[in-house]
Amino acid sequence: EKEKEKDQLEELAFFFHTAGSGNSGASLISATFLILAEQVLTYERGEKKFYPPFSDPKTINFGALIGEQEVFRMNLMEAHSCREALGVPSVSTRFGTAPPFWNQLLRAMAFLPSSLLRNRDLMEKLTLVSMPMIRLVDTFAGAKNGICVEARSKTGKRLVSRLEHKDLEACIGEAVAAFVAVSLQADPRLLSPGEGPAGGQGGKALAEVSRTLTNLRLPSGVWYPEDPAAFGSGARLKQVLEKIAQSAITSNTVSWDAETDRWVSIA
């Protein structure tokens, strides 16, 4: 028990990359502008710390598809949610985009008065004006999306997980579909065609499926994504992550080998 306590998770660092707009709409672009008005929340040894938005650049290797990209501090929900749901003492979040001049533009915008950046109407108008240029750049920048998470335990063990996808919009859709699929599979009445009462042909089968869905009771509420309660159990959370990983371009995990002083693939 003491050994387990010593090896608890001590630090999480989240790094996000989206090329261009990621094929997303104006709402997400506008939200990005609005976030630049916020000081960046981080946790360091359990204490709240705040940093200027889009500061402290770091270069992160996202994997074979995306490669090395620059990321900057940004106020994202993972800092708060991981601290609240998992109790991790130190959590930080960074984000970057491509091509590099978009990063420099966002960095320059972060120096604008926060009163301007918090003006939702103004940011929405700026987004609409910018969209033609954004779509033009998207044609050669692509819509690749990457997530890199670095974890460190109290004993110094380090793990890195990377997930890459060729299209942010498709990645979000597949993640939602994975959540729904696993949630529906939790009810034994919902089986694949031919495996149970929902099997068969024609209107009778459809009527049976409709009745089953009408009476289906799934957990409802609002949870942090890191909280297994959002999925009913840790096992279902694992199923969701496995389904998402199947549609990703690459998904790999490496750990730091102190003896050889290098990263070693463990997945």
Protein backbone atom coordinates (compact mmCIF):
# COMPACT_ATOMS: atom_id res chain seq x y z
CA GLU A 1 0.00 0.00 0.00
CA LYS A 2 2.88 2.36 0.83
CA GLU A 3 4.53 1.56 -2.51
CA LYS A 4 1.29 2.36 -4.33
CA GLU A 5 1.00 5.66 -2.45
CA LYS A 6 4.55 6.63 -3.41
CA ASP A 7 3.86 6.01 -7.09
CA GLN A 8 0.79 8.22 -7.43
CA LEU A 9 0.39 10.51 -10.39
CA GLU A 10 2.21 13.76 -9.71
CA GLU A 11 2.03 15.75 -12.94
CA LEU A 12 0.08 15.89 -16.21
CA ALA A 13 0.95 18.09 -19.16
CA PHE A 14 -1.49 18.35 -22.09
CA PHE A 15 -0.37 19.50 -25.53
CA PHE A 16 -2.84 20.05 -28.38
CA HIS A 17 -2.26 20.78 -32.05
CA THR A 18 -4.75 21.56 -34.79
CA ALA A 19 -3.63 22.47 -38.30
CA GLY A 20 -5.53 25.43 -39.71
CA SER A 21 -9.15 25.47 -38.57
CA GLY A 22 -9.33 21.68 -38.36
CA ASN A 23 -12.26 21.94 -40.79
CA SER A 24 -14.26 23.46 -37.93
CA GLY A 25 -16.73 26.30 -38.24
CA ALA A 26 -16.71 29.95 -37.23
CA SER A 27 -17.91 29.19 -33.68
CA LEU A 28 -14.72 27.35 -32.76
CA ILE A 29 -12.53 30.06 -34.28
CA SER A 30 -14.44 32.73 -32.35
CA ALA A 31 -14.09 30.70 -29.14
CA THR A 32 -10.32 30.56 -29.68
CA PHE A 33 -10.18 34.34 -29.91
CA LEU A 34 -12.26 34.67 -26.72
CA ILE A 35 -9.97 32.31 -24.78
CA LEU A 36 -7.07 34.66 -25.49
CA ALA A 37 -8.68 37.08 -23.00
CA GLU A 38 -8.24 34.57 -20.18
CA GLN A 39 -5.24 34.09 -17.95
CA VAL A 40 -4.02 30.50 -18.18
CA LEU A 41 -4.86 28.37 -15.14
CA THR A 42 -2.28 25.77 -14.15
CA TYR A 43 -1.74 23.76 -10.98
CA GLU A 44 1.73 23.45 -9.51
CA ARG A 45 2.05 21.16 -6.48
CA GLY A 46 -1.62 21.69 -5.74
CA GLU A 47 -1.46 25.47 -5.94
CA LYS A 48 -3.25 27.56 -8.56
CA LYS A 49 -0.95 29.57 -10.81
CA PHE A 50 -1.90 31.87 -13.68
CA TYR A 51 0.17 32.70 -16.77
CA PRO A 52 -0.29 35.10 -19.70
CA PRO A 53 -2.19 33.55 -22.65
CA PHE A 54 -0.15 32.15 -25.52
CA SER A 55 3.13 32.51 -23.62
CA ASP A 56 6.04 30.14 -22.86
CA PRO A 57 6.37 28.31 -26.22
CA LYS A 58 7.50 24.68 -26.23
CA THR A 59 8.29 22.33 -29.10
CA ILE A 60 6.50 18.99 -28.82
CA ASN A 61 6.79 15.83 -30.91
CA PHE A 62 3.23 14.76 -31.76
CA GLY A 63 4.28 11.70 -33.76
CA ALA A 64 4.89 10.56 -37.32
CA LEU A 65 1.89 12.29 -38.91
CA ILE A 66 2.30 15.76 -37.39
CA GLY A 67 5.92 15.79 -36.25
CA GLU A 68 7.37 18.52 -34.03
CA GLN A 69 5.17 21.56 -33.48
CA GLU A 70 5.27 24.63 -31.28
CA VAL A 71 2.65 24.97 -28.55
CA PHE A 72 1.80 27.82 -26.16
CA ARG A 73 0.03 28.17 -22.83
CA MET A 74 -3.74 28.34 -23.24
CA ASN A 75 -6.56 28.23 -20.70
CA LEU A 76 -8.13 24.83 -21.41
CA MET A 77 -10.48 22.79 -19.25
CA GLU A 78 -8.10 19.88 -18.61
CA ALA A 79 -6.15 21.85 -15.99
CA HIS A 80 -9.23 22.22 -13.81
CA SER A 81 -10.96 18.93 -14.63
CA CYS A 82 -7.90 16.73 -13.98
CA ARG A 83 -7.25 18.49 -10.71
CA GLU A 84 -10.88 18.09 -9.62
CA ALA A 85 -11.63 14.60 -10.96
CA LEU A 86 -8.24 12.94 -10.47
CA GLY A 87 -6.61 15.07 -7.79
CA VAL A 88 -3.39 15.48 -9.79
CA PRO A 89 -1.19 18.07 -8.01
CA SER A 90 0.36 19.60 -11.15
CA VAL A 91 -1.50 20.09 -14.45
CA SER A 92 -0.74 22.34 -17.42
CA THR A 93 -2.22 22.86 -20.89
CA ARG A 94 -0.76 24.17 -24.15
CA PHE A 95 -2.06 24.58 -27.70
CA GLY A 96 -0.63 25.38 -31.10
CA THR A 97 -1.74 25.51 -34.70
CA ALA A 98 -0.20 25.55 -38.18
CA PRO A 99 1.11 27.17 -40.32
CA PRO A 100 3.41 28.95 -37.83
CA PHE A 101 2.19 32.44 -38.77
CA TRP A 102 -1.21 31.59 -37.23
CA ASN A 103 0.60 31.02 -33.93
CA GLN A 104 2.34 34.36 -34.22
CA LEU A 105 -0.95 36.09 -35.03
CA LEU A 106 -2.64 34.56 -31.99
CA ARG A 107 0.35 35.48 -29.84
CA ALA A 108 0.08 39.09 -31.02
CA MET A 109 -3.68 39.13 -30.36
CA ALA A 110 -3.04 38.04 -26.76
CA PHE A 111 -1.47 41.46 -26.14
CA LEU A 112 -4.72 43.25 -27.01
CA PRO A 113 -6.78 44.62 -24.10
CA SER A 114 -8.82 41.84 -22.54
CA SER A 115 -11.92 44.04 -22.79
CA LEU A 116 -11.66 43.81 -26.58
CA LEU A 117 -10.98 40.07 -26.60
CA ARG A 118 -13.95 39.44 -24.28
CA ASN A 119 -16.30 41.30 -26.63
CA ARG A 120 -18.17 38.33 -28.11
CA ASP A 121 -19.90 40.37 -30.81
CA LEU A 122 -16.60 41.87 -31.95
CA MET A 123 -14.83 38.49 -31.98
CA GLU A 124 -17.65 36.94 -34.00
CA LYS A 125 -17.39 39.74 -36.56
CA LEU A 126 -13.61 39.33 -36.70
CA THR A 127 -14.10 35.61 -37.27
CA LEU A 128 -16.51 36.16 -40.17
CA VAL A 129 -14.08 38.59 -41.79
CA SER A 130 -11.22 36.11 -41.30
CA MET A 131 -12.99 32.97 -42.54
CA PRO A 132 -12.19 33.37 -46.28
CA MET A 133 -8.47 33.64 -45.50
CA ILE A 134 -8.68 30.79 -42.99
CA ARG A 135 -10.37 28.51 -45.55
CA LEU A 136 -7.77 29.44 -48.14
CA VAL A 137 -4.93 28.51 -45.78
CA ASP A 138 -6.77 25.29 -44.87
CA THR A 139 -6.38 24.08 -48.45
CA PHE A 140 -2.65 23.59 -47.93
CA ALA A 141 -2.40 23.45 -44.11
CA GLY A 142 -4.82 20.53 -43.83
CA ALA A 143 -6.87 19.71 -40.72
CA LYS A 144 -4.60 17.39 -38.75
CA ASN A 145 -5.24 17.08 -35.04
CA GLY A 146 -2.88 15.80 -32.38
CA ILE A 147 -2.90 15.30 -28.63
CA CYS A 148 0.18 14.55 -26.56
CA VAL A 149 -0.06 13.87 -22.83
CA GLU A 150 2.99 13.63 -20.59
CA ALA A 151 2.56 12.05 -17.17
CA ARG A 152 5.02 11.81 -14.27
CA SER A 153 4.60 9.86 -11.04
CA LYS A 154 5.93 10.71 -7.57
CA THR A 155 8.74 8.19 -8.04
CA GLY A 156 9.85 9.88 -11.26
CA LYS A 157 8.33 7.43 -13.77
CA ARG A 158 7.38 9.22 -16.98
CA LEU A 159 4.86 8.24 -19.65
CA VAL A 160 3.92 9.91 -22.92
CA SER A 161 0.78 9.11 -24.94
CA ARG A 162 0.16 10.49 -28.42
CA LEU A 163 -2.94 10.43 -30.58
CA GLU A 164 -3.02 11.81 -34.11
CA HIS A 165 -5.84 12.15 -36.62
CA LYS A 166 -5.94 13.53 -40.14
CA ASP A 167 -9.07 15.63 -39.55
CA LEU A 168 -10.23 17.33 -36.32
CA GLU A 169 -13.89 17.45 -37.37
CA ALA A 170 -13.96 13.72 -38.17
CA CYS A 171 -12.05 12.96 -34.96
CA ILE A 172 -14.68 14.71 -32.83
CA GLY A 173 -17.49 12.88 -34.65
CA GLU A 174 -15.82 9.50 -34.15
CA ALA A 175 -15.24 10.24 -30.46
CA VAL A 176 -18.93 11.08 -29.94
CA ALA A 177 -19.95 7.96 -31.89
CA ALA A 178 -17.65 5.81 -29.73
CA PHE A 179 -19.22 7.20 -26.55
CA VAL A 180 -22.74 6.54 -27.84
CA ALA A 181 -21.88 3.04 -29.11
CA VAL A 182 -20.38 1.95 -25.80
CA SER A 183 -23.30 3.48 -23.86
CA LEU A 184 -25.83 1.57 -25.96
CA GLN A 185 -23.86 -1.67 -25.62
CA ALA A 186 -24.24 -1.36 -21.86
CA ASP A 187 -27.89 -2.42 -22.23
CA PRO A 188 -28.11 -6.19 -23.04
CA ARG A 189 -31.35 -5.60 -24.97
CA LEU A 190 -29.46 -3.69 -27.64
CA LEU A 191 -27.69 -6.36 -29.66
CA SER A 192 -26.41 -6.52 -33.20
CA PRO A 193 -28.97 -7.59 -35.86
CA GLY A 194 -29.56 -11.35 -35.65
CA GLU A 195 -28.14 -11.66 -32.10
CA GLY A 196 -31.32 -11.01 -30.13
CA PRO A 197 -34.82 -9.60 -30.15
CA ALA A 198 -33.74 -6.68 -32.34
CA GLY A 199 -32.70 -9.08 -35.09
CA GLY A 200 -34.87 -10.10 -38.01
CA GLN A 201 -36.32 -8.32 -41.00
CA GLY A 202 -38.62 -5.45 -41.79
CA GLY A 203 -40.92 -3.32 -39.68
CA LYS A 204 -41.19 -5.81 -36.83
CA ALA A 205 -37.48 -5.53 -36.08
CA LEU A 206 -37.61 -1.73 -36.31
CA ALA A 207 -40.57 -1.60 -33.95
CA GLU A 208 -38.73 -3.76 -31.42
CA VAL A 209 -35.63 -1.54 -31.60
CA SER A 210 -37.82 1.55 -31.20
CA ARG A 211 -39.49 0.14 -28.07
CA THR A 212 -36.12 -0.80 -26.62
CA LEU A 213 -34.66 2.67 -27.21
CA THR A 214 -37.78 4.32 -25.76
CA ASN A 215 -37.41 2.37 -22.50
CA LEU A 216 -33.63 2.63 -22.37
CA ARG A 217 -32.31 4.31 -19.25
CA LEU A 218 -28.74 5.57 -19.46
CA PRO A 219 -26.91 7.54 -16.76
CA SER A 220 -27.60 11.25 -17.15
CA GLY A 221 -25.71 14.24 -15.85
CA VAL A 222 -22.64 16.34 -16.47
CA TRP A 223 -19.19 14.97 -15.67
CA TYR A 224 -15.59 15.81 -16.34
CA PRO A 225 -14.27 13.66 -19.22
CA GLU A 226 -11.60 12.19 -16.91
CA ASP A 227 -14.22 10.94 -14.44
CA PRO A 228 -15.12 7.24 -15.01
CA ALA A 229 -18.62 8.03 -13.69
CA ALA A 230 -19.28 9.72 -17.04
CA PHE A 231 -19.13 6.28 -18.63
CA GLY A 232 -20.70 4.25 -15.82
CA SER A 233 -17.47 2.38 -15.11
CA GLY A 234 -13.73 2.39 -15.76
CA ALA A 235 -14.19 -0.61 -18.08
CA ARG A 236 -16.56 1.33 -20.34
CA LEU A 237 -14.18 4.30 -20.36
CA LYS A 238 -11.46 1.93 -21.60
CA GLN A 239 -13.81 0.66 -24.34
CA VAL A 240 -14.48 4.21 -25.52
CA LEU A 241 -10.76 4.99 -25.69
CA GLU A 242 -10.06 1.76 -27.57
CA LYS A 243 -12.71 2.59 -30.18
CA ILE A 244 -11.32 6.11 -30.65
CA ALA A 245 -7.79 4.76 -31.02
CA GLN A 246 -8.95 2.44 -33.83
CA SER A 247 -9.88 5.42 -36.01
CA ALA A 248 -6.76 7.46 -35.21
CA ILE A 249 -3.84 7.60 -37.60
CA THR A 250 -1.34 6.73 -34.90
CA SER A 251 -1.59 6.03 -31.23
CA ASN A 252 1.47 5.14 -29.24
CA THR A 253 2.78 5.29 -25.72
CA VAL A 254 6.38 5.54 -24.63
CA SER A 255 8.04 5.47 -21.25
CA TRP A 256 11.36 6.85 -20.08
CA ASP A 257 13.93 4.13 -19.44
CA ALA A 258 16.36 5.50 -16.86
CA GLU A 259 18.89 2.71 -17.47
CA THR A 260 19.27 3.40 -21.20
CA ASP A 261 18.39 7.10 -20.89
CA ARG A 262 15.88 7.01 -23.75
CA TRP A 263 12.19 6.72 -24.57
CA VAL A 264 10.94 3.14 -25.06
CA SER A 265 7.71 2.23 -26.86
CA ILE A 266 5.30 0.25 -24.67
CA ALA A 267 2.30 0.12 -27.03
